[in-house]
Amino acid sequence: MQCPECGSSHTRKNGKMRGKQNHICVACGRQFIDVYTAPKGYSDEIKATCLKMYVNGMGFRGIERVTGVHHTTVITWVRQVGEHLPDAYDPQTTPEVGELDELETFVRSKKQNLAVDSG
């Protein structure tokens, strides 16, 4: 086993961390493990699916239940994409066309029906 820092082969075992054997170089004092594997990430398809679900109105925890991707990971992806979006459009003139929601509300006074028992 060689030290990745100085190349020395004079190393010793230095305990275990998260199930992996640690080694320490006697020459330079660098601590290292045998084989380093980078953490696995999600594919671009899963990221795109989660972002599409968010854009279509699905909540973060709902996306987590469907895809199995943690909701804070989805929030991070949304923030990363949001940083690349342009700022909101600020028109200099008032638009000629407007859009109204189709929701109507009816407000009236509530009448109380009191049944009097003369029994």
PDB file of N, CA and C in Angstrom:
ATOM      1  N   MET A   1       0.845  -1.167   0.000  1.00  0.00           N
ATOM      2  CA  MET A   1       0.000   0.000   0.000  1.00  0.00           C
ATOM      3  C   MET A   1       0.898   1.240   0.000  1.00  0.00           C
ATOM      4  N   GLN A   2       0.581   2.175  -0.882  1.00  0.00           N
ATOM      5  CA  GLN A   2       1.377   3.400  -0.983  1.00  0.00           C
ATOM      6  C   GLN A   2       0.560   4.605  -0.570  1.00  0.00           C
ATOM      7  N   CYS A   3       1.214   5.570   0.018  1.00  0.00           N
ATOM      8  CA  CYS A   3       0.574   6.815   0.436  1.00  0.00           C
ATOM      9  C   CYS A   3       0.253   7.641  -0.806  1.00  0.00           C
ATOM     10  N   PRO A   4      -0.984   8.144  -0.926  1.00  0.00           N
ATOM     11  CA  PRO A   4      -1.315   8.967  -2.098  1.00  0.00           C
ATOM     12  C   PRO A   4      -0.631  10.333  -2.068  1.00  0.00           C
ATOM     13  N   GLU A   5      -0.157  10.769  -0.905  1.00  0.00           N
ATOM     14  CA  GLU A   5       0.472  12.084  -0.771  1.00  0.00           C
ATOM     15  C   GLU A   5       1.939  12.057  -1.181  1.00  0.00           C
ATOM     16  N   CYS A   6       2.714  11.159  -0.514  1.00  0.00           N
ATOM     17  CA  CYS A   6       4.165  11.164  -0.740  1.00  0.00           C
ATOM     18  C   CYS A   6       4.669   9.929  -1.472  1.00  0.00           C
ATOM     19  N   GLY A   7       3.833   8.892  -1.640  1.00  0.00           N
ATOM     20  CA  GLY A   7       4.240   7.693  -2.360  1.00  0.00           C
ATOM     21  C   GLY A   7       4.997   6.688  -1.516  1.00  0.00           C
ATOM     22  N   SER A   8       5.162   6.945  -0.233  1.00  0.00           N
ATOM     23  CA  SER A   8       5.877   6.031   0.653  1.00  0.00           C
ATOM     24  C   SER A   8       5.057   4.762   0.869  1.00  0.00           C
ATOM     25  N   SER A   9       5.752   3.622   0.998  1.00  0.00           N
ATOM     26  CA  SER A   9       5.056   2.369   1.252  1.00  0.00           C
ATOM     27  C   SER A   9       5.091   1.993   2.730  1.00  0.00           C
ATOM     28  N   HIS A  10       5.625   2.871   3.569  1.00  0.00           N
ATOM     29  CA  HIS A  10       5.691   2.626   5.014  1.00  0.00           C
ATOM     30  C   HIS A  10       4.409   3.193   5.651  1.00  0.00           C
ATOM     31  N   THR A  11       3.372   2.342   5.713  1.00  0.00           N
ATOM     32  CA  THR A  11       2.087   2.761   6.265  1.00  0.00           C
ATOM     33  C   THR A  11       1.659   1.798   7.361  1.00  0.00           C
ATOM     34  N   ARG A  12       0.735   2.244   8.198  1.00  0.00           N
ATOM     35  CA  ARG A  12       0.184   1.419   9.273  1.00  0.00           C
ATOM     36  C   ARG A  12      -1.333   1.549   9.266  1.00  0.00           C
ATOM     37  N   LYS A  13      -1.984   0.533   9.826  1.00  0.00           N
ATOM     38  CA  LYS A  13      -3.431   0.601   9.992  1.00  0.00           C
ATOM     39  C   LYS A  13      -3.743   1.639  11.065  1.00  0.00           C
ATOM     40  N   ASN A  14      -4.871   2.337  10.882  1.00  0.00           N
ATOM     41  CA  ASN A  14      -5.219   3.414  11.806  1.00  0.00           C
ATOM     42  C   ASN A  14      -6.703   3.387  12.130  1.00  0.00           C
ATOM     43  N   GLY A  15      -7.233   2.217  12.459  1.00  0.00           N
ATOM     44  CA  GLY A  15      -8.630   2.095  12.853  1.00  0.00           C
ATOM     45  C   GLY A  15      -9.564   1.986  11.662  1.00  0.00           C
ATOM     46  N   LYS A  16     -10.856   1.972  11.993  1.00  0.00           N
ATOM     47  CA  LYS A  16     -11.892   1.889  10.958  1.00  0.00           C
ATOM     48  C   LYS A  16     -12.866   3.035  11.141  1.00  0.00           C
ATOM     49  N   MET A  17     -13.396   3.493  10.026  1.00  0.00           N
ATOM     50  CA  MET A  17     -14.399   4.549  10.043  1.00  0.00           C
ATOM     51  C   MET A  17     -15.461   4.178   9.033  1.00  0.00           C
ATOM     52  N   ARG A  18     -16.714   4.071   9.483  1.00  0.00           N
ATOM     53  CA  ARG A  18     -17.840   3.692   8.636  1.00  0.00           C
ATOM     54  C   ARG A  18     -17.586   2.384   7.894  1.00  0.00           C
ATOM     55  N   GLY A  19     -16.957   1.450   8.568  1.00  0.00           N
ATOM     56  CA  GLY A  19     -16.735   0.131   7.996  1.00  0.00           C
ATOM     57  C   GLY A  19     -15.563   0.030   7.048  1.00  0.00           C
ATOM     58  N   LYS A  20     -14.788   1.088   6.863  1.00  0.00           N
ATOM     59  CA  LYS A  20     -13.641   1.054   5.960  1.00  0.00           C
ATOM     60  C   LYS A  20     -12.356   1.195   6.770  1.00  0.00           C
ATOM     61  N   GLN A  21     -11.351   0.430   6.388  1.00  0.00           N
ATOM     62  CA  GLN A  21     -10.063   0.440   7.081  1.00  0.00           C
ATOM     63  C   GLN A  21      -9.299   1.722   6.758  1.00  0.00           C
ATOM     64  N   ASN A  22      -8.877   2.436   7.794  1.00  0.00           N
ATOM     65  CA  ASN A  22      -8.049   3.630   7.626  1.00  0.00           C
ATOM     66  C   ASN A  22      -6.581   3.247   7.739  1.00  0.00           C
ATOM     67  N   HIS A  23      -5.743   3.938   6.997  1.00  0.00           N
ATOM     68  CA  HIS A  23      -4.293   3.752   7.055  1.00  0.00           C
ATOM     69  C   HIS A  23      -3.669   5.117   7.294  1.00  0.00           C
ATOM     70  N   ILE A  24      -2.476   5.101   7.882  1.00  0.00           N
ATOM     71  CA  ILE A  24      -1.746   6.350   8.094  1.00  0.00           C
ATOM     72  C   ILE A  24      -0.322   6.165   7.590  1.00  0.00           C
ATOM     73  N   CYS A  25       0.188   7.176   6.924  1.00  0.00           N
ATOM     74  CA  CYS A  25       1.547   7.143   6.405  1.00  0.00           C
ATOM     75  C   CYS A  25       2.499   7.541   7.534  1.00  0.00           C
ATOM     76  N   VAL A  26       3.528   6.730   7.761  1.00  0.00           N
ATOM     77  CA  VAL A  26       4.488   7.018   8.823  1.00  0.00           C
ATOM     78  C   VAL A  26       5.366   8.197   8.418  1.00  0.00           C
ATOM     79  N   ALA A  27       5.638   8.337   7.127  1.00  0.00           N
ATOM     80  CA  ALA A  27       6.548   9.379   6.650  1.00  0.00           C
ATOM     81  C   ALA A  27       5.920  10.772   6.718  1.00  0.00           C
ATOM     82  N   CYS A  28       4.689  10.935   6.185  1.00  0.00           N
ATOM     83  CA  CYS A  28       4.102  12.284   6.123  1.00  0.00           C
ATOM     84  C   CYS A  28       2.915  12.471   7.057  1.00  0.00           C
ATOM     85  N   GLY A  29       2.353  11.398   7.608  1.00  0.00           N
ATOM     86  CA  GLY A  29       1.243  11.513   8.555  1.00  0.00           C
ATOM     87  C   GLY A  29      -0.128  11.610   7.913  1.00  0.00           C
ATOM     88  N   ARG A  30      -0.198  11.438   6.617  1.00  0.00           N
ATOM     89  CA  ARG A  30      -1.484  11.515   5.926  1.00  0.00           C
ATOM     90  C   ARG A  30      -2.317  10.281   6.222  1.00  0.00           C
ATOM     91  N   GLN A  31      -3.603  10.480   6.505  1.00  0.00           N
ATOM     92  CA  GLN A  31      -4.523   9.366   6.731  1.00  0.00           C
ATOM     93  C   GLN A  31      -5.334   9.149   5.471  1.00  0.00           C
ATOM     94  N   PHE A  32      -5.532   7.874   5.088  1.00  0.00           N
ATOM     95  CA  PHE A  32      -6.250   7.567   3.859  1.00  0.00           C
ATOM     96  C   PHE A  32      -6.877   6.193   3.973  1.00  0.00           C
ATOM     97  N   ILE A  33      -7.741   5.854   3.010  1.00  0.00           N
ATOM     98  CA  ILE A  33      -8.376   4.538   2.947  1.00  0.00           C
ATOM     99  C   ILE A  33      -7.868   3.811   1.713  1.00  0.00           C
ATOM    100  N   ASP A  34      -8.144   2.489   1.664  1.00  0.00           N
ATOM    101  CA  ASP A  34      -7.655   1.667   0.549  1.00  0.00           C
ATOM    102  C   ASP A  34      -8.182   2.160  -0.792  1.00  0.00           C
ATOM    103  N   VAL A  35      -9.484   2.064  -0.958  1.00  0.00           N
ATOM    104  CA  VAL A  35     -10.108   2.395  -2.238  1.00  0.00           C
ATOM    105  C   VAL A  35     -11.207   3.416  -1.976  1.00  0.00           C
ATOM    106  N   TYR A  36     -11.128   4.518  -2.651  1.00  0.00           N
ATOM    107  CA  TYR A  36     -12.151   5.550  -2.503  1.00  0.00           C
ATOM    108  C   TYR A  36     -13.136   5.437  -3.647  1.00  0.00           C
ATOM    109  N   THR A  37     -14.412   5.316  -3.303  1.00  0.00           N
ATOM    110  CA  THR A  37     -15.461   5.334  -4.320  1.00  0.00           C
ATOM    111  C   THR A  37     -16.314   6.572  -4.082  1.00  0.00           C
ATOM    112  N   ALA A  38     -16.520   7.333  -5.123  1.00  0.00           N
ATOM    113  CA  ALA A  38     -17.326   8.555  -5.005  1.00  0.00           C
ATOM    114  C   ALA A  38     -18.770   8.179  -4.716  1.00  0.00           C
ATOM    115  N   PRO A  39     -19.482   8.996  -3.929  1.00  0.00           N
ATOM    116  CA  PRO A  39     -20.884   8.685  -3.646  1.00  0.00           C
ATOM    117  C   PRO A  39     -21.716   8.706  -4.924  1.00  0.00           C
ATOM    118  N   LYS A  40     -22.672   7.777  -4.989  1.00  0.00           N
ATOM    119  CA  LYS A  40     -23.523   7.690  -6.169  1.00  0.00           C
ATOM    120  C   LYS A  40     -24.571   8.791  -6.134  1.00  0.00           C
ATOM    121  N   GLY A  41     -24.826   9.366  -7.268  1.00  0.00           N
ATOM    122  CA  GLY A  41     -25.844  10.399  -7.374  1.00  0.00           C
ATOM    123  C   GLY A  41     -27.044   9.889  -8.151  1.00  0.00           C
ATOM    124  N   TYR A  42     -28.019  10.756  -8.331  1.00  0.00           N
ATOM    125  CA  TYR A  42     -29.208  10.400  -9.099  1.00  0.00           C
ATOM    126  C   TYR A  42     -28.969  10.694 -10.573  1.00  0.00           C
ATOM    127  N   SER A  43     -29.618   9.933 -11.434  1.00  0.00           N
ATOM    128  CA  SER A  43     -29.462  10.138 -12.874  1.00  0.00           C
ATOM    129  C   SER A  43     -30.186  11.417 -13.296  1.00  0.00           C
ATOM    130  N   ASP A  44     -29.830  11.888 -14.474  1.00  0.00           N
ATOM    131  CA  ASP A  44     -30.467  13.096 -15.002  1.00  0.00           C
ATOM    132  C   ASP A  44     -31.952  12.862 -15.282  1.00  0.00           C
ATOM    133  N   GLU A  45     -32.327  11.624 -15.592  1.00  0.00           N
ATOM    134  CA  GLU A  45     -33.734  11.315 -15.849  1.00  0.00           C
ATOM    135  C   GLU A  45     -34.568  11.477 -14.580  1.00  0.00           C
ATOM    136  N   ILE A  46     -34.048  11.010 -13.449  1.00  0.00           N
ATOM    137  CA  ILE A  46     -34.777  11.145 -12.183  1.00  0.00           C
ATOM    138  C   ILE A  46     -34.884  12.614 -11.793  1.00  0.00           C
ATOM    139  N   LYS A  47     -33.801  13.364 -11.986  1.00  0.00           N
ATOM    140  CA  LYS A  47     -33.839  14.795 -11.680  1.00  0.00           C
ATOM    141  C   LYS A  47     -34.897  15.498 -12.530  1.00  0.00           C
ATOM    142  N   ALA A  48     -34.914  15.188 -13.827  1.00  0.00           N
ATOM    143  CA  ALA A  48     -35.882  15.813 -14.732  1.00  0.00           C
ATOM    144  C   ALA A  48     -37.310  15.438 -14.352  1.00  0.00           C
ATOM    145  N   THR A  49     -37.516  14.180 -13.957  1.00  0.00           N
ATOM    146  CA  THR A  49     -38.853  13.735 -13.554  1.00  0.00           C
ATOM    147  C   THR A  49     -39.310  14.480 -12.308  1.00  0.00           C
ATOM    148  N   CYS A  50     -38.433  14.609 -11.324  1.00  0.00           N
ATOM    149  CA  CYS A  50     -38.783  15.306 -10.087  1.00  0.00           C
ATOM    150  C   CYS A  50     -39.080  16.780 -10.345  1.00  0.00           C
ATOM    151  N   LEU A  51     -38.273  17.415 -11.187  1.00  0.00           N
ATOM    152  CA  LEU A  51     -38.504  18.829 -11.495  1.00  0.00           C
ATOM    153  C   LEU A  51     -39.792  19.016 -12.282  1.00  0.00           C
ATOM    154  N   LYS A  52     -40.109  18.079 -13.163  1.00  0.00           N
ATOM    155  CA  LYS A  52     -41.360  18.159 -13.918  1.00  0.00           C
ATOM    156  C   LYS A  52     -42.552  18.013 -12.980  1.00  0.00           C
ATOM    157  N   MET A  53     -42.444  17.103 -12.001  1.00  0.00           N
ATOM    158  CA  MET A  53     -43.521  16.951 -11.017  1.00  0.00           C
ATOM    159  C   MET A  53     -43.709  18.239 -10.214  1.00  0.00           C
ATOM    160  N   TYR A  54     -42.609  18.885  -9.844  1.00  0.00           N
ATOM    161  CA  TYR A  54     -42.696  20.132  -9.076  1.00  0.00           C
ATOM    162  C   TYR A  54     -43.349  21.234  -9.899  1.00  0.00           C
ATOM    163  N   VAL A  55     -42.955  21.360 -11.157  1.00  0.00           N
ATOM    164  CA  VAL A  55     -43.506  22.403 -12.024  1.00  0.00           C
ATOM    165  C   VAL A  55     -45.002  22.182 -12.242  1.00  0.00           C
ATOM    166  N   ASN A  56     -45.438  20.932 -12.254  1.00  0.00           N
ATOM    167  CA  ASN A  56     -46.846  20.614 -12.459  1.00  0.00           C
ATOM    168  C   ASN A  56     -47.659  20.675 -11.171  1.00  0.00           C
ATOM    169  N   GLY A  57     -47.065  21.165 -10.085  1.00  0.00           N
ATOM    170  CA  GLY A  57     -47.830  21.445  -8.885  1.00  0.00           C
ATOM    171  C   GLY A  57     -47.763  20.403  -7.789  1.00  0.00           C
ATOM    172  N   MET A  58     -46.950  19.398  -7.926  1.00  0.00           N
ATOM    173  CA  MET A  58     -46.843  18.375  -6.888  1.00  0.00           C
ATOM    174  C   MET A  58     -45.935  18.881  -5.769  1.00  0.00           C
ATOM    175  N   GLY A  59     -46.261  18.562  -4.541  1.00  0.00           N
ATOM    176  CA  GLY A  59     -45.481  19.006  -3.393  1.00  0.00           C
ATOM    177  C   GLY A  59     -44.195  18.213  -3.247  1.00  0.00           C
ATOM    178  N   PHE A  60     -43.263  18.748  -2.441  1.00  0.00           N
ATOM    179  CA  PHE A  60     -41.969  18.106  -2.265  1.00  0.00           C
ATOM    180  C   PHE A  60     -42.103  16.727  -1.612  1.00  0.00           C
ATOM    181  N   ARG A  61     -42.939  16.617  -0.609  1.00  0.00           N
ATOM    182  CA  ARG A  61     -43.095  15.328   0.062  1.00  0.00           C
ATOM    183  C   ARG A  61     -43.862  14.333  -0.809  1.00  0.00           C
ATOM    184  N   GLY A  62     -44.752  14.830  -1.653  1.00  0.00           N
ATOM    185  CA  GLY A  62     -45.429  13.955  -2.604  1.00  0.00           C
ATOM    186  C   GLY A  62     -44.449  13.385  -3.619  1.00  0.00           C
ATOM    187  N   ILE A  63     -43.526  14.225  -4.075  1.00  0.00           N
ATOM    188  CA  ILE A  63     -42.488  13.763  -4.993  1.00  0.00           C
ATOM    189  C   ILE A  63     -41.620  12.713  -4.304  1.00  0.00           C
ATOM    190  N   GLU A  64     -41.341  12.935  -3.027  1.00  0.00           N
ATOM    191  CA  GLU A  64     -40.543  11.969  -2.266  1.00  0.00           C
ATOM    192  C   GLU A  64     -41.253  10.615  -2.170  1.00  0.00           C
ATOM    193  N   ARG A  65     -42.562  10.643  -1.928  1.00  0.00           N
ATOM    194  CA  ARG A  65     -43.307   9.388  -1.820  1.00  0.00           C
ATOM    195  C   ARG A  65     -43.339   8.625  -3.137  1.00  0.00           C
ATOM    196  N   VAL A  66     -43.430   9.347  -4.249  1.00  0.00           N
ATOM    197  CA  VAL A  66     -43.536   8.691  -5.555  1.00  0.00           C
ATOM    198  C   VAL A  66     -42.181   8.177  -6.046  1.00  0.00           C
ATOM    199  N   THR A  67     -41.137   9.009  -5.946  1.00  0.00           N
ATOM    200  CA  THR A  67     -39.851   8.658  -6.551  1.00  0.00           C
ATOM    201  C   THR A  67     -38.851   8.068  -5.579  1.00  0.00           C
ATOM    202  N   GLY A  68     -39.022   8.319  -4.281  1.00  0.00           N
ATOM    203  CA  GLY A  68     -38.051   7.835  -3.305  1.00  0.00           C
ATOM    204  C   GLY A  68     -36.870   8.771  -3.114  1.00  0.00           C
ATOM    205  N   VAL A  69     -36.869   9.926  -3.770  1.00  0.00           N
ATOM    206  CA  VAL A  69     -35.812  10.921  -3.617  1.00  0.00           C
ATOM    207  C   VAL A  69     -36.196  11.827  -2.441  1.00  0.00           C
ATOM    208  N   HIS A  70     -35.272  12.059  -1.515  1.00  0.00           N
ATOM    209  CA  HIS A  70     -35.581  12.851  -0.331  1.00  0.00           C
ATOM    210  C   HIS A  70     -36.010  14.264  -0.724  1.00  0.00           C
ATOM    211  N   HIS A  71     -36.973  14.814   0.043  1.00  0.00           N
ATOM    212  CA  HIS A  71     -37.550  16.101  -0.344  1.00  0.00           C
ATOM    213  C   HIS A  71     -36.534  17.244  -0.294  1.00  0.00           C
ATOM    214  N   THR A  72     -35.558  17.186   0.607  1.00  0.00           N
ATOM    215  CA  THR A  72     -34.556  18.265   0.635  1.00  0.00           C
ATOM    216  C   THR A  72     -33.651  18.206  -0.599  1.00  0.00           C
ATOM    217  N   THR A  73     -33.459  17.019  -1.149  1.00  0.00           N
ATOM    218  CA  THR A  73     -32.691  16.895  -2.389  1.00  0.00           C
ATOM    219  C   THR A  73     -33.449  17.560  -3.536  1.00  0.00           C
ATOM    220  N   VAL A  74     -34.759  17.349  -3.584  1.00  0.00           N
ATOM    221  CA  VAL A  74     -35.579  17.961  -4.637  1.00  0.00           C
ATOM    222  C   VAL A  74     -35.558  19.481  -4.478  1.00  0.00           C
ATOM    223  N   ILE A  75     -35.632  19.975  -3.232  1.00  0.00           N
ATOM    224  CA  ILE A  75     -35.586  21.420  -2.983  1.00  0.00           C
ATOM    225  C   ILE A  75     -34.257  21.986  -3.482  1.00  0.00           C
ATOM    226  N   THR A  76     -33.164  21.268  -3.236  1.00  0.00           N
ATOM    227  CA  THR A  76     -31.853  21.717  -3.711  1.00  0.00           C
ATOM    228  C   THR A  76     -31.821  21.792  -5.231  1.00  0.00           C
ATOM    229  N   TRP A  77     -32.395  20.794  -5.900  1.00  0.00           N
ATOM    230  CA  TRP A  77     -32.429  20.807  -7.366  1.00  0.00           C
ATOM    231  C   TRP A  77     -33.240  21.982  -7.887  1.00  0.00           C
ATOM    232  N   VAL A  78     -34.372  22.283  -7.230  1.00  0.00           N
ATOM    233  CA  VAL A  78     -35.215  23.406  -7.654  1.00  0.00           C
ATOM    234  C   VAL A  78     -34.450  24.712  -7.496  1.00  0.00           C
ATOM    235  N   ARG A  79     -33.722  24.852  -6.400  1.00  0.00           N
ATOM    236  CA  ARG A  79     -32.934  26.083  -6.188  1.00  0.00           C
ATOM    237  C   ARG A  79     -31.832  26.217  -7.234  1.00  0.00           C
ATOM    238  N   GLN A  80     -31.176  25.102  -7.557  1.00  0.00           N
ATOM    239  CA  GLN A  80     -30.108  25.157  -8.562  1.00  0.00           C
ATOM    240  C   GLN A  80     -30.652  25.576  -9.923  1.00  0.00           C
ATOM    241  N   VAL A  81     -31.805  25.053 -10.300  1.00  0.00           N
ATOM    242  CA  VAL A  81     -32.409  25.424 -11.579  1.00  0.00           C
ATOM    243  C   VAL A  81     -32.882  26.876 -11.527  1.00  0.00           C
ATOM    244  N   GLY A  82     -33.416  27.292 -10.385  1.00  0.00           N
ATOM    245  CA  GLY A  82     -33.911  28.661 -10.236  1.00  0.00           C
ATOM    246  C   GLY A  82     -32.828  29.711 -10.359  1.00  0.00           C
ATOM    247  N   GLU A  83     -31.598  29.365  -9.984  1.00  0.00           N
ATOM    248  CA  GLU A  83     -30.491  30.317 -10.109  1.00  0.00           C
ATOM    249  C   GLU A  83     -30.154  30.614 -11.563  1.00  0.00           C
ATOM    250  N   HIS A  84     -30.456  29.688 -12.459  1.00  0.00           N
ATOM    251  CA  HIS A  84     -30.140  29.874 -13.875  1.00  0.00           C
ATOM    252  C   HIS A  84     -31.261  30.566 -14.646  1.00  0.00           C
ATOM    253  N   LEU A  85     -32.411  30.743 -14.014  1.00  0.00           N
ATOM    254  CA  LEU A  85     -33.527  31.402 -14.694  1.00  0.00           C
ATOM    255  C   LEU A  85     -33.316  32.911 -14.720  1.00  0.00           C
ATOM    256  N   PRO A  86     -33.810  33.579 -15.746  1.00  0.00           N
ATOM    257  CA  PRO A  86     -33.681  35.043 -15.785  1.00  0.00           C
ATOM    258  C   PRO A  86     -34.608  35.691 -14.767  1.00  0.00           C
ATOM    259  N   ASP A  87     -34.309  36.936 -14.449  1.00  0.00           N
ATOM    260  CA  ASP A  87     -35.165  37.684 -13.527  1.00  0.00           C
ATOM    261  C   ASP A  87     -36.540  37.897 -14.139  1.00  0.00           C
ATOM    262  N   ALA A  88     -37.508  38.243 -13.307  1.00  0.00           N
ATOM    263  CA  ALA A  88     -38.880  38.442 -13.768  1.00  0.00           C
ATOM    264  C   ALA A  88     -38.932  39.593 -14.775  1.00  0.00           C
ATOM    265  N   TYR A  89     -39.824  39.469 -15.719  1.00  0.00           N
ATOM    266  CA  TYR A  89     -39.994  40.482 -16.751  1.00  0.00           C
ATOM    267  C   TYR A  89     -40.670  41.701 -16.149  1.00  0.00           C
ATOM    268  N   ASP A  90     -40.108  42.868 -16.357  1.00  0.00           N
ATOM    269  CA  ASP A  90     -40.654  44.119 -15.831  1.00  0.00           C
ATOM    270  C   ASP A  90     -40.993  45.031 -17.010  1.00  0.00           C
ATOM    271  N   PRO A  91     -42.250  44.982 -17.468  1.00  0.00           N
ATOM    272  CA  PRO A  91     -42.593  45.789 -18.642  1.00  0.00           C
ATOM    273  C   PRO A  91     -42.645  47.277 -18.306  1.00  0.00           C
ATOM    274  N   GLN A  92     -42.295  48.105 -19.287  1.00  0.00           N
ATOM    275  CA  GLN A  92     -42.330  49.550 -19.118  1.00  0.00           C
ATOM    276  C   GLN A  92     -43.752  50.089 -19.317  1.00  0.00           C
ATOM    277  N   THR A  93     -44.564  49.385 -20.082  1.00  0.00           N
ATOM    278  CA  THR A  93     -45.938  49.823 -20.331  1.00  0.00           C
ATOM    279  C   THR A  93     -46.902  48.821 -19.713  1.00  0.00           C
ATOM    280  N   THR A  94     -48.130  49.274 -19.516  1.00  0.00           N
ATOM    281  CA  THR A  94     -49.157  48.405 -18.958  1.00  0.00           C
ATOM    282  C   THR A  94     -49.630  47.442 -20.041  1.00  0.00           C
ATOM    283  N   PRO A  95     -49.724  46.149 -19.726  1.00  0.00           N
ATOM    284  CA  PRO A  95     -50.184  45.198 -20.741  1.00  0.00           C
ATOM    285  C   PRO A  95     -51.630  45.465 -21.141  1.00  0.00           C
ATOM    286  N   GLU A  96     -51.973  45.169 -22.392  1.00  0.00           N
ATOM    287  CA  GLU A  96     -53.316  45.397 -22.894  1.00  0.00           C
ATOM    288  C   GLU A  96     -54.248  44.229 -22.601  1.00  0.00           C
ATOM    289  N   VAL A  97     -53.692  43.073 -22.355  1.00  0.00           N
ATOM    290  CA  VAL A  97     -54.494  41.881 -22.122  1.00  0.00           C
ATOM    291  C   VAL A  97     -54.262  41.423 -20.686  1.00  0.00           C
ATOM    292  N   GLY A  98     -55.338  41.097 -20.007  1.00  0.00           N
ATOM    293  CA  GLY A  98     -55.232  40.583 -18.648  1.00  0.00           C
ATOM    294  C   GLY A  98     -55.892  39.223 -18.547  1.00  0.00           C
ATOM    295  N   GLU A  99     -55.596  38.512 -17.492  1.00  0.00           N
ATOM    296  CA  GLU A  99     -56.168  37.191 -17.298  1.00  0.00           C
ATOM    297  C   GLU A  99     -56.768  37.125 -15.897  1.00  0.00           C
ATOM    298  N   LEU A 100     -57.986  36.627 -15.841  1.00  0.00           N
ATOM    299  CA  LEU A 100     -58.663  36.492 -14.560  1.00  0.00           C
ATOM    300  C   LEU A 100     -58.859  35.023 -14.242  1.00  0.00           C
ATOM    301  N   ASP A 101     -58.853  34.727 -12.985  1.00  0.00           N
ATOM    302  CA  ASP A 101     -59.104  33.362 -12.557  1.00  0.00           C
ATOM    303  C   ASP A 101     -60.593  33.087 -12.660  1.00  0.00           C
ATOM    304  N   GLU A 102     -60.961  31.830 -12.827  1.00  0.00           N
ATOM    305  CA  GLU A 102     -62.355  31.469 -13.011  1.00  0.00           C
ATOM    306  C   GLU A 102     -63.081  31.215 -11.700  1.00  0.00           C
ATOM    307  N   LEU A 103     -62.433  31.442 -10.604  1.00  0.00           N
ATOM    308  CA  LEU A 103     -63.026  31.197  -9.301  1.00  0.00           C
ATOM    309  C   LEU A 103     -63.981  32.328  -8.940  1.00  0.00           C
ATOM    310  N   GLU A 104     -65.190  31.960  -8.556  1.00  0.00           N
ATOM    311  CA  GLU A 104     -66.170  32.946  -8.124  1.00  0.00           C
ATOM    312  C   GLU A 104     -66.517  32.690  -6.667  1.00  0.00           C
ATOM    313  N   THR A 105     -66.805  33.751  -5.962  1.00  0.00           N
ATOM    314  CA  THR A 105     -67.176  33.626  -4.562  1.00  0.00           C
ATOM    315  C   THR A 105     -68.503  34.320  -4.352  1.00  0.00           C
ATOM    316  N   PHE A 106     -69.396  33.671  -3.631  1.00  0.00           N
ATOM    317  CA  PHE A 106     -70.684  34.256  -3.320  1.00  0.00           C
ATOM    318  C   PHE A 106     -70.728  34.513  -1.827  1.00  0.00           C
ATOM    319  N   VAL A 107     -70.926  35.779  -1.468  1.00  0.00           N
ATOM    320  CA  VAL A 107     -70.964  36.151  -0.062  1.00  0.00           C
ATOM    321  C   VAL A 107     -72.359  36.684   0.248  1.00  0.00           C
ATOM    322  N   ARG A 108     -72.992  36.149   1.255  1.00  0.00           N
ATOM    323  CA  ARG A 108     -74.298  36.639   1.676  1.00  0.00           C
ATOM    324  C   ARG A 108     -74.398  36.496   3.178  1.00  0.00           C
ATOM    325  N   SER A 109     -75.401  37.115   3.738  1.00  0.00           N
ATOM    326  CA  SER A 109     -75.573  36.998   5.187  1.00  0.00           C
ATOM    327  C   SER A 109     -76.202  35.652   5.507  1.00  0.00           C
ATOM    328  N   LYS A 110     -75.804  35.106   6.622  1.00  0.00           N
ATOM    329  CA  LYS A 110     -76.274  33.789   7.024  1.00  0.00           C
ATOM    330  C   LYS A 110     -77.525  33.969   7.883  1.00  0.00           C
ATOM    331  N   LYS A 111     -78.618  33.368   7.463  1.00  0.00           N
ATOM    332  CA  LYS A 111     -79.863  33.451   8.230  1.00  0.00           C
ATOM    333  C   LYS A 111     -79.924  32.267   9.178  1.00  0.00           C
ATOM    334  N   GLN A 112     -80.341  32.548  10.382  1.00  0.00           N
ATOM    335  CA  GLN A 112     -80.433  31.479  11.362  1.00  0.00           C
ATOM    336  C   GLN A 112     -81.882  31.002  11.419  1.00  0.00           C
ATOM    337  N   ASN A 113     -82.056  29.734  11.330  1.00  0.00           N
ATOM    338  CA  ASN A 113     -83.371  29.137  11.452  1.00  0.00           C
ATOM    339  C   ASN A 113     -83.500  28.568  12.869  1.00  0.00           C
ATOM    340  N   LEU A 114     -84.273  29.239  13.669  1.00  0.00           N
ATOM    341  CA  LEU A 114     -84.457  28.779  15.037  1.00  0.00           C
ATOM    342  C   LEU A 114     -85.828  28.137  15.145  1.00  0.00           C
ATOM    343  N   ALA A 115     -85.802  26.894  15.445  1.00  0.00           N
ATOM    344  CA  ALA A 115     -87.070  26.179  15.630  1.00  0.00           C
ATOM    345  C   ALA A 115     -87.485  26.322  17.086  1.00  0.00           C
ATOM    346  N   VAL A 116     -88.657  26.899  17.289  1.00  0.00           N
ATOM    347  CA  VAL A 116     -89.149  27.113  18.654  1.00  0.00           C
ATOM    348  C   VAL A 116     -90.088  25.966  19.000  1.00  0.00           C
ATOM    349  N   ASP A 117     -89.785  25.312  20.079  1.00  0.00           N
ATOM    350  CA  ASP A 117     -90.607  24.197  20.546  1.00  0.00           C
ATOM    351  C   ASP A 117     -91.636  24.748  21.543  1.00  0.00           C
ATOM    352  N   SER A 118     -92.880  24.645  21.209  1.00  0.00           N
ATOM    353  CA  SER A 118     -93.900  25.153  22.112  1.00  0.00           C
ATOM    354  C   SER A 118     -94.533  24.031  22.920  1.00  0.00           C
ATOM    355  N   GLY A 119     -93.869  22.929  23.016  1.00  0.00           N
ATOM    356  CA  GLY A 119     -94.387  21.735  23.586  1.00  0.00           C
ATOM    357  C   GLY A 119     -94.577  21.631  24.994  1.00  0.00           C
TER     358      GLY A 119
END
